[in-house]
Amino acid sequence: MKLTIGLIIAFAGYVAAAQQSAEVFIVPTSDVSSPPSVTPSLARLLLLQRLAPSGRDVSFHDIPNGIGYDTVASLINHFGKEIPPLFSDGQTGEPSQLVLMLESMNDRQMRDLRKALDMSPSFTIADPPPDKAHRDLMELDFFRSGVTDGSKCSIRQVANPLESCWAGKRSAAAKFNVRENPELLAELPKQIEQLRGLARSGELQTTIVALPSTKSSSNWLDEQQQELRRRQAEQVISSFERPVVNAEPTSSPKPDPIFDPNERIKACYETKDACMARTLNCSSHGECQDKYAKADGSNNTIACFACHCQSTRSKSGSLTTWAGPTCAKKDISVAFWLFAGVTLALVGILYLAISILFRVGEEKLPGVIGAGVSRSK
């Protein structure tokens, strides 16, 4: 019995030791003699802090439960992006941020990547979550914060912040499956020199997250944060639910017509009240009248009530004429034709004056004047 218990404890210790940790590389490289190991929830906080656009920074809800503020502040100072001054101009002059997540990597690929990058990890993630949790991290945390999805681009394209896949934003995140595309490990080292050059010039900072293939049941969120996300999702779903409208009894009178800005204005209304309600009293610039009303005042079999627009005079004395189906548009036809007529008249007068002067200048001088001014031989 003691031997069995000892074997179980030894096997559990072997499994725990064999669990591969995720490795995070930050370009430019930070001077870390021994990379610290953080929990997935702390790693999520650091990645969110680097990617969060201006105005969507991490909040107290993103801090894992049981972690002191001093610890979080120390980790952000070492591995987060530089916090701008209080009275700065937002993201002006700050480098763009890129997070590359490489999932489903085995032990050999992890070693090859570390050797190809020629750098030590900035920190590691103990007991990393499985692949299905990475999708939630990208869609529910990164993309909802306004981060560009670069997963549909190649590593060469996403490594250039001027590419169209960045959509003009300053933060991008991309997730690639190494098991499905092993050639990614050969493409990434080719871009590392470009990423280092962009980091030195202050244009782009890159965070590479190497995630091993695991069957762990861990998550990027702790239990308290998962409960908060679940309640937020329920609130979003409930906001799309439409309230049940009780059917009105058939005996109840119809409600008075109200103005709907999205409703198309009719050419005719059956009653004057309907016309006044749907057109907001002809925008207070006219009156609803029956187009087919008889001159003797008798009722017509067909009623067609429409707006009859009128003119208004302002306090300064200017007269404004209104037009349109609701009398909401200014009638500028008179002013237009007046301006056009005056302009055409002035152009015609100028043309006639120039043509008369041209014809006078082309006429020949009479013979007597020509003889008086000619030179003697």
Protein backbone atom coordinates (compact mmCIF):
# COMPACT_ATOMS: atom_id res chain seq x y z
CA MET A 1 0.00 0.00 0.00
CA LYS A 2 2.80 2.41 0.88
CA LEU A 3 4.56 1.48 -2.33
CA THR A 4 1.43 2.27 -4.36
CA ILE A 5 1.02 5.66 -2.70
CA GLY A 6 4.68 6.45 -3.31
CA LEU A 7 4.36 5.55 -6.99
CA ILE A 8 1.25 7.75 -7.35
CA ILE A 9 3.01 10.73 -5.77
CA ALA A 10 6.08 10.21 -7.93
CA PHE A 11 3.96 9.94 -11.07
CA ALA A 12 2.05 13.12 -10.19
CA GLY A 13 5.33 14.95 -9.67
CA TYR A 14 6.63 13.69 -12.99
CA VAL A 15 3.50 14.87 -14.81
CA ALA A 16 3.74 18.30 -13.18
CA ALA A 17 7.39 18.62 -14.12
CA ALA A 18 6.70 17.46 -17.68
CA GLN A 19 4.03 20.13 -18.17
CA GLN A 20 5.54 22.58 -20.63
CA SER A 21 5.19 26.27 -19.82
CA ALA A 22 4.37 28.86 -22.43
CA GLU A 23 7.16 31.31 -23.27
CA VAL A 24 6.68 35.00 -24.02
CA PHE A 25 9.28 36.95 -26.02
CA ILE A 26 9.09 40.75 -26.10
CA VAL A 27 10.86 42.71 -28.84
CA PRO A 28 12.79 44.83 -27.87
CA THR A 29 14.29 42.36 -25.44
CA SER A 30 14.13 43.32 -21.78
CA ASP A 31 17.06 42.49 -19.53
CA VAL A 32 15.78 39.56 -17.45
CA SER A 33 18.36 37.26 -15.91
CA SER A 34 15.82 34.63 -14.82
CA PRO A 35 12.41 34.82 -16.53
CA PRO A 36 9.63 34.89 -13.95
CA SER A 37 6.68 32.54 -14.18
CA VAL A 38 3.21 34.08 -14.09
CA THR A 39 -0.29 32.66 -14.09
CA PRO A 40 -2.45 32.76 -17.25
CA SER A 41 -4.67 35.47 -15.74
CA LEU A 42 -1.64 37.69 -15.07
CA ALA A 43 -0.32 37.03 -18.59
CA ARG A 44 -3.73 38.06 -19.98
CA LEU A 45 -3.50 41.30 -18.01
CA LEU A 46 -0.04 42.07 -19.42
CA LEU A 47 -1.12 41.33 -23.00
CA LEU A 48 -4.23 43.48 -22.62
CA GLN A 49 -2.15 46.34 -21.21
CA ARG A 50 0.14 46.25 -24.23
CA LEU A 51 -2.68 46.04 -26.78
CA ALA A 52 -5.33 48.28 -25.22
CA PRO A 53 -5.99 51.36 -27.40
CA SER A 54 -6.25 54.81 -25.90
CA GLY A 55 -9.37 55.13 -23.76
CA ARG A 56 -9.77 51.34 -23.34
CA ASP A 57 -7.02 50.63 -20.85
CA VAL A 58 -7.22 47.74 -18.41
CA SER A 59 -9.38 48.24 -15.33
CA PHE A 60 -9.53 46.81 -11.83
CA HIS A 61 -11.82 44.04 -13.13
CA ASP A 62 -8.91 42.70 -15.19
CA ILE A 63 -6.69 42.24 -12.12
CA PRO A 64 -6.85 38.59 -10.97
CA ASN A 65 -8.35 37.88 -7.58
CA GLY A 66 -5.82 37.58 -4.79
CA ILE A 67 -3.03 39.47 -6.60
CA GLY A 68 -1.74 42.60 -4.91
CA TYR A 69 -1.62 45.92 -6.70
CA ASP A 70 2.12 46.21 -6.02
CA THR A 71 2.77 42.94 -7.85
CA VAL A 72 0.66 44.02 -10.83
CA ALA A 73 2.36 47.42 -10.98
CA SER A 74 5.81 45.80 -10.88
CA LEU A 75 4.96 43.38 -13.70
CA ILE A 76 3.50 46.15 -15.87
CA ASN A 77 6.60 48.30 -15.31
CA HIS A 78 8.84 45.42 -16.45
CA PHE A 79 6.78 43.76 -19.21
CA GLY A 80 4.02 46.22 -20.16
CA LYS A 81 4.10 49.07 -22.61
CA GLU A 82 5.27 52.46 -21.45
CA ILE A 83 2.50 54.41 -19.75
CA PRO A 84 2.18 57.92 -21.29
CA PRO A 85 2.26 60.99 -19.05
CA LEU A 86 -0.98 62.24 -17.54
CA PHE A 87 -1.29 65.27 -19.84
CA SER A 88 0.03 63.68 -23.05
CA ASP A 89 -1.73 63.72 -26.44
CA GLY A 90 -2.91 60.12 -26.26
CA GLN A 91 -1.01 57.74 -28.56
CA THR A 92 0.98 60.41 -30.40
CA GLY A 93 4.55 59.18 -30.73
CA GLU A 94 3.87 55.80 -29.09
CA PRO A 95 4.94 52.65 -30.93
CA SER A 96 2.33 50.30 -32.36
CA GLN A 97 1.75 47.00 -30.55
CA LEU A 98 1.66 43.52 -32.07
CA VAL A 99 0.94 40.19 -30.31
CA LEU A 100 1.71 36.95 -32.17
CA MET A 101 0.26 33.81 -30.58
CA LEU A 102 1.74 30.51 -31.83
CA GLU A 103 -0.34 27.61 -30.50
CA SER A 104 -0.10 23.78 -30.61
CA MET A 105 3.72 23.68 -30.40
CA ASN A 106 5.64 20.61 -29.20
CA ASP A 107 8.83 20.54 -27.13
CA ARG A 108 11.16 20.38 -30.13
CA GLN A 109 9.44 23.31 -31.83
CA MET A 110 9.67 25.34 -28.63
CA ARG A 111 13.42 24.74 -28.49
CA ASP A 112 13.86 25.49 -32.20
CA LEU A 113 11.94 28.76 -31.88
CA ARG A 114 14.03 29.89 -28.91
CA LYS A 115 17.19 29.11 -30.85
CA ALA A 116 15.96 30.79 -34.05
CA LEU A 117 14.97 33.97 -32.22
CA ASP A 118 18.35 33.98 -30.43
CA MET A 119 16.81 35.41 -27.27
CA SER A 120 15.58 34.25 -23.91
CA PRO A 121 11.91 34.55 -22.97
CA SER A 122 10.93 37.64 -21.03
CA PHE A 123 8.61 35.58 -18.83
CA THR A 124 6.84 32.22 -18.89
CA ILE A 125 3.23 31.19 -18.33
CA ALA A 126 2.75 28.28 -15.95
CA ASP A 127 0.03 25.75 -16.81
CA PRO A 128 -1.05 27.46 -20.05
CA PRO A 129 -4.68 27.02 -21.17
CA PRO A 130 -5.67 24.75 -24.07
CA ASP A 131 -6.20 25.88 -27.65
CA LYS A 132 -9.96 26.47 -27.29
CA ALA A 133 -9.28 29.09 -24.59
CA HIS A 134 -6.98 31.02 -26.94
CA ARG A 135 -9.89 31.69 -29.30
CA ASP A 136 -11.94 33.23 -26.48
CA LEU A 137 -8.97 35.36 -25.45
CA MET A 138 -8.67 36.76 -28.98
CA GLU A 139 -12.37 37.28 -29.70
CA LEU A 140 -13.76 38.26 -26.29
CA ASP A 141 -10.82 40.28 -24.95
CA PHE A 142 -8.57 41.53 -27.74
CA PHE A 143 -10.98 42.20 -30.61
CA ARG A 144 -13.71 43.65 -28.39
CA SER A 145 -11.15 46.17 -27.15
CA GLY A 146 -10.67 47.52 -30.68
CA VAL A 147 -7.60 45.46 -31.61
CA THR A 148 -7.19 44.52 -35.28
CA ASP A 149 -7.49 40.84 -36.20
CA GLY A 150 -4.36 39.94 -38.14
CA SER A 151 -4.91 36.18 -38.16
CA LYS A 152 -6.01 36.22 -41.80
CA CYS A 153 -2.72 37.83 -42.86
CA SER A 154 0.67 36.22 -43.19
CA ILE A 155 3.45 36.83 -40.67
CA ARG A 156 5.24 38.99 -43.23
CA GLN A 157 2.17 41.20 -43.66
CA VAL A 158 1.27 41.49 -39.99
CA ALA A 159 4.89 42.35 -39.13
CA ASN A 160 4.49 45.62 -41.06
CA PRO A 161 2.15 48.14 -39.32
CA LEU A 162 1.66 49.94 -42.66
CA GLU A 163 -0.03 46.93 -44.29
CA SER A 164 -3.75 47.07 -45.04
CA CYS A 165 -4.48 44.21 -42.63
CA TRP A 166 -3.81 46.63 -39.75
CA ALA A 167 -6.81 48.70 -40.93
CA GLY A 168 -5.08 51.90 -39.86
CA LYS A 169 -5.09 50.93 -36.16
CA ARG A 170 -2.16 50.91 -33.75
CA SER A 171 -2.73 47.49 -32.15
CA ALA A 172 -3.00 44.09 -33.81
CA ALA A 173 -3.18 40.50 -32.61
CA ALA A 174 -2.77 37.34 -34.67
CA LYS A 175 -3.10 33.65 -33.76
CA PHE A 176 -1.45 30.89 -35.82
CA ASN A 177 -1.62 27.13 -35.36
CA VAL A 178 1.87 25.63 -35.74
CA ARG A 179 0.54 22.09 -35.91
CA GLU A 180 -1.46 22.94 -39.03
CA ASN A 181 1.22 25.24 -40.54
CA PRO A 182 4.69 24.09 -39.46
CA GLU A 183 6.30 26.42 -42.02
CA LEU A 184 5.45 29.34 -39.73
CA LEU A 185 8.49 28.54 -37.59
CA ALA A 186 10.71 29.06 -40.63
CA GLU A 187 8.96 32.30 -41.65
CA LEU A 188 9.05 34.03 -38.27
CA PRO A 189 12.88 34.10 -37.87
CA LYS A 190 13.10 35.81 -41.27
CA GLN A 191 11.05 38.70 -39.93
CA ILE A 192 12.75 39.00 -36.55
CA GLU A 193 15.41 41.42 -37.83
CA GLN A 194 12.69 43.66 -39.28
CA LEU A 195 10.81 43.54 -35.97
CA ARG A 196 13.97 44.46 -34.07
CA GLY A 197 14.63 47.36 -36.43
CA LEU A 198 11.08 48.66 -35.97
CA ALA A 199 11.49 48.32 -32.20
CA ARG A 200 14.74 50.30 -32.21
CA SER A 201 13.14 53.08 -34.26
CA GLY A 202 10.18 53.24 -31.88
CA GLU A 203 7.60 52.27 -34.52
CA LEU A 204 6.52 48.78 -33.41
CA GLN A 205 6.85 46.57 -30.35
CA THR A 206 6.15 42.85 -30.76
CA THR A 207 5.15 40.22 -28.21
CA ILE A 208 5.55 36.59 -29.32
CA VAL A 209 3.65 34.01 -27.22
CA ALA A 210 4.77 30.41 -27.81
CA LEU A 211 1.96 28.16 -26.54
CA PRO A 212 2.59 24.42 -26.21
CA SER A 213 -0.04 21.82 -26.97
CA THR A 214 -1.70 20.90 -23.68
CA LYS A 215 -4.78 19.22 -22.28
CA SER A 216 -4.90 21.44 -19.23
CA SER A 217 -8.24 22.60 -17.88
CA SER A 218 -6.93 26.07 -16.94
CA ASN A 219 -8.27 29.31 -18.36
CA TRP A 220 -7.03 32.81 -19.10
CA LEU A 221 -9.50 34.08 -16.48
CA ASP A 222 -9.87 33.18 -12.83
CA GLU A 223 -13.25 32.14 -11.44
CA GLN A 224 -14.30 35.66 -10.46
CA GLN A 225 -13.48 37.06 -13.90
CA GLN A 226 -15.27 34.18 -15.62
CA GLU A 227 -18.40 34.95 -13.59
CA LEU A 228 -18.15 38.63 -14.53
CA ARG A 229 -17.80 37.76 -18.23
CA ARG A 230 -20.79 35.40 -18.01
CA ARG A 231 -22.98 38.12 -16.48
CA GLN A 232 -21.88 40.64 -19.10
CA ALA A 233 -22.75 38.16 -21.85
CA GLU A 234 -26.19 37.63 -20.32
CA GLN A 235 -26.78 41.38 -20.23
CA VAL A 236 -25.84 41.68 -23.90
CA ILE A 237 -28.18 38.84 -24.85
CA SER A 238 -31.05 40.24 -22.78
CA SER A 239 -30.64 43.64 -24.43
CA PHE A 240 -31.54 42.05 -27.79
CA GLU A 241 -34.70 40.45 -26.44
CA ARG A 242 -37.81 42.31 -27.46
CA PRO A 243 -40.55 42.83 -24.88
CA VAL A 244 -43.83 41.03 -25.47
CA VAL A 245 -46.52 43.43 -26.64
CA ASN A 246 -50.01 42.57 -25.48
CA ALA A 247 -52.58 42.47 -28.24
CA GLU A 248 -54.94 45.42 -28.14
CA PRO A 249 -58.62 44.67 -27.83
CA THR A 250 -60.61 45.04 -31.01
CA SER A 251 -63.02 47.43 -29.36
CA SER A 252 -60.35 49.97 -28.38
CA PRO A 253 -60.14 53.03 -30.60
CA LYS A 254 -57.21 53.46 -32.92
CA PRO A 255 -54.47 55.70 -31.56
CA ASP A 256 -53.96 59.10 -33.06
CA PRO A 257 -51.41 59.13 -35.86
CA ILE A 258 -47.99 60.23 -34.72
CA PHE A 259 -45.04 61.49 -36.65
CA ASP A 260 -42.52 58.86 -37.75
CA PRO A 261 -39.37 60.31 -39.40
CA ASN A 262 -38.71 57.03 -41.23
CA GLU A 263 -42.17 56.91 -42.82
CA ARG A 264 -42.51 57.93 -46.42
CA ILE A 265 -44.65 61.05 -46.89
CA LYS A 266 -47.79 60.30 -48.88
CA ALA A 267 -49.07 62.46 -51.70
CA CYS A 268 -52.60 62.42 -50.24
CA TYR A 269 -54.16 61.78 -46.86
CA GLU A 270 -57.78 60.87 -46.27
CA THR A 271 -58.29 63.29 -43.39
CA LYS A 272 -56.90 66.66 -42.44
CA ASP A 273 -55.88 65.42 -38.97
CA ALA A 274 -53.80 62.62 -40.49
CA CYS A 275 -52.08 65.09 -42.80
CA MET A 276 -51.33 67.50 -39.95
CA ALA A 277 -49.97 64.70 -37.73
CA ARG A 278 -47.79 63.00 -40.35
CA THR A 279 -46.29 66.26 -41.62
CA LEU A 280 -45.92 67.97 -38.22
CA ASN A 281 -48.44 70.63 -39.20
CA CYS A 282 -46.64 71.08 -42.54
CA SER A 283 -43.47 71.94 -40.58
CA SER A 284 -45.33 75.05 -39.34
CA HIS A 285 -44.88 76.56 -42.80
CA GLY A 286 -48.25 75.81 -44.30
CA GLU A 287 -51.65 74.19 -43.92
CA CYS A 288 -53.22 70.93 -45.01
CA GLN A 289 -55.89 71.50 -47.64
CA ASP A 290 -58.02 69.27 -49.81
CA LYS A 291 -56.75 69.39 -53.39
CA TYR A 292 -60.09 68.27 -54.81
CA ALA A 293 -62.33 70.51 -52.69
CA LYS A 294 -65.18 72.10 -54.61
CA ALA A 295 -65.47 75.85 -54.91
CA ASP A 296 -69.00 75.88 -53.50
CA GLY A 297 -67.85 74.21 -50.31
CA SER A 298 -69.72 70.96 -50.83
CA ASN A 299 -68.06 67.66 -49.91
CA ASN A 300 -66.27 65.69 -52.60
CA THR A 301 -66.37 61.93 -52.90
CA ILE A 302 -62.56 61.77 -53.05
CA ALA A 303 -60.51 63.54 -50.39
CA CYS A 304 -56.85 64.40 -50.94
CA PHE A 305 -55.34 66.42 -48.13
CA ALA A 306 -51.80 67.68 -48.75
CA CYS A 307 -49.63 70.54 -47.52
CA HIS A 308 -50.25 73.94 -49.05
CA CYS A 309 -47.01 75.81 -48.38
CA GLN A 310 -46.92 79.49 -47.48
CA SER A 311 -44.30 82.19 -47.14
CA THR A 312 -42.88 83.42 -43.84
CA ARG A 313 -41.19 86.65 -42.96
CA SER A 314 -38.36 86.83 -40.44
CA LYS A 315 -37.80 89.54 -37.82
CA SER A 316 -35.34 91.27 -40.14
CA GLY A 317 -38.02 91.50 -42.84
CA SER A 318 -36.69 88.90 -45.27
CA LEU A 319 -39.29 86.77 -47.02
CA THR A 320 -38.81 82.99 -47.22
CA THR A 321 -40.85 80.75 -49.50
CA TRP A 322 -41.27 77.10 -48.52
CA ALA A 323 -41.82 74.03 -50.69
CA GLY A 324 -41.78 70.23 -50.55
CA PRO A 325 -44.33 67.62 -49.41
CA THR A 326 -43.96 68.81 -45.78
CA CYS A 327 -43.03 72.46 -46.52
CA ALA A 328 -39.64 71.83 -44.95
CA LYS A 329 -37.51 72.96 -47.90
CA LYS A 330 -36.75 76.52 -48.86
CA ASP A 331 -37.97 77.50 -52.31
CA ILE A 332 -34.99 79.19 -53.92
CA SER A 333 -36.24 78.98 -57.48
CA VAL A 334 -37.09 82.72 -57.65
CA ALA A 335 -33.71 83.74 -56.26
CA PHE A 336 -31.96 81.30 -58.58
CA TRP A 337 -33.67 82.54 -61.72
CA LEU A 338 -33.10 86.15 -60.66
CA PHE A 339 -29.41 85.52 -60.14
CA ALA A 340 -29.14 83.51 -63.35
CA GLY A 341 -31.04 86.13 -65.37
CA VAL A 342 -28.89 89.03 -64.10
CA THR A 343 -25.73 87.04 -64.76
CA LEU A 344 -26.77 86.18 -68.30
CA ALA A 345 -27.78 89.80 -68.97
CA LEU A 346 -24.41 91.11 -67.77
CA VAL A 347 -22.56 88.55 -69.85
CA GLY A 348 -24.64 89.49 -72.92
CA ILE A 349 -24.02 93.23 -72.42
CA LEU A 350 -20.30 92.66 -71.99
CA TYR A 351 -20.20 90.51 -75.11
CA LEU A 352 -22.03 93.13 -77.17
CA ALA A 353 -19.75 95.93 -75.91
CA ILE A 354 -16.60 94.00 -76.78
CA SER A 355 -17.95 93.00 -80.20
CA ILE A 356 -18.87 96.64 -81.01
CA LEU A 357 -15.41 97.88 -80.04
CA PHE A 358 -13.83 95.12 -82.10
CA ARG A 359 -15.86 95.99 -85.20
CA VAL A 360 -15.07 99.72 -84.85
CA GLY A 361 -11.38 99.01 -84.60
CA GLU A 362 -11.45 96.88 -87.74
CA GLU A 363 -13.01 99.60 -89.96
CA LYS A 364 -10.65 101.35 -92.43
CA LEU A 365 -9.95 105.07 -92.16
CA PRO A 366 -11.46 107.37 -94.84
CA GLY A 367 -9.31 108.45 -97.79
CA VAL A 368 -9.01 112.13 -96.76
CA ILE A 369 -7.66 111.25 -93.31
CA GLY A 370 -5.36 108.74 -94.90
CA ALA A 371 -3.93 111.32 -97.34
CA GLY A 372 -3.36 113.88 -94.60
CA VAL A 373 -1.32 111.59 -92.46
CA SER A 374 0.64 109.85 -95.21
CA ARG A 375 4.33 110.63 -95.63
CA SER A 376 5.48 112.57 -98.68
CA LYS A 377 7.84 110.84 -101.02
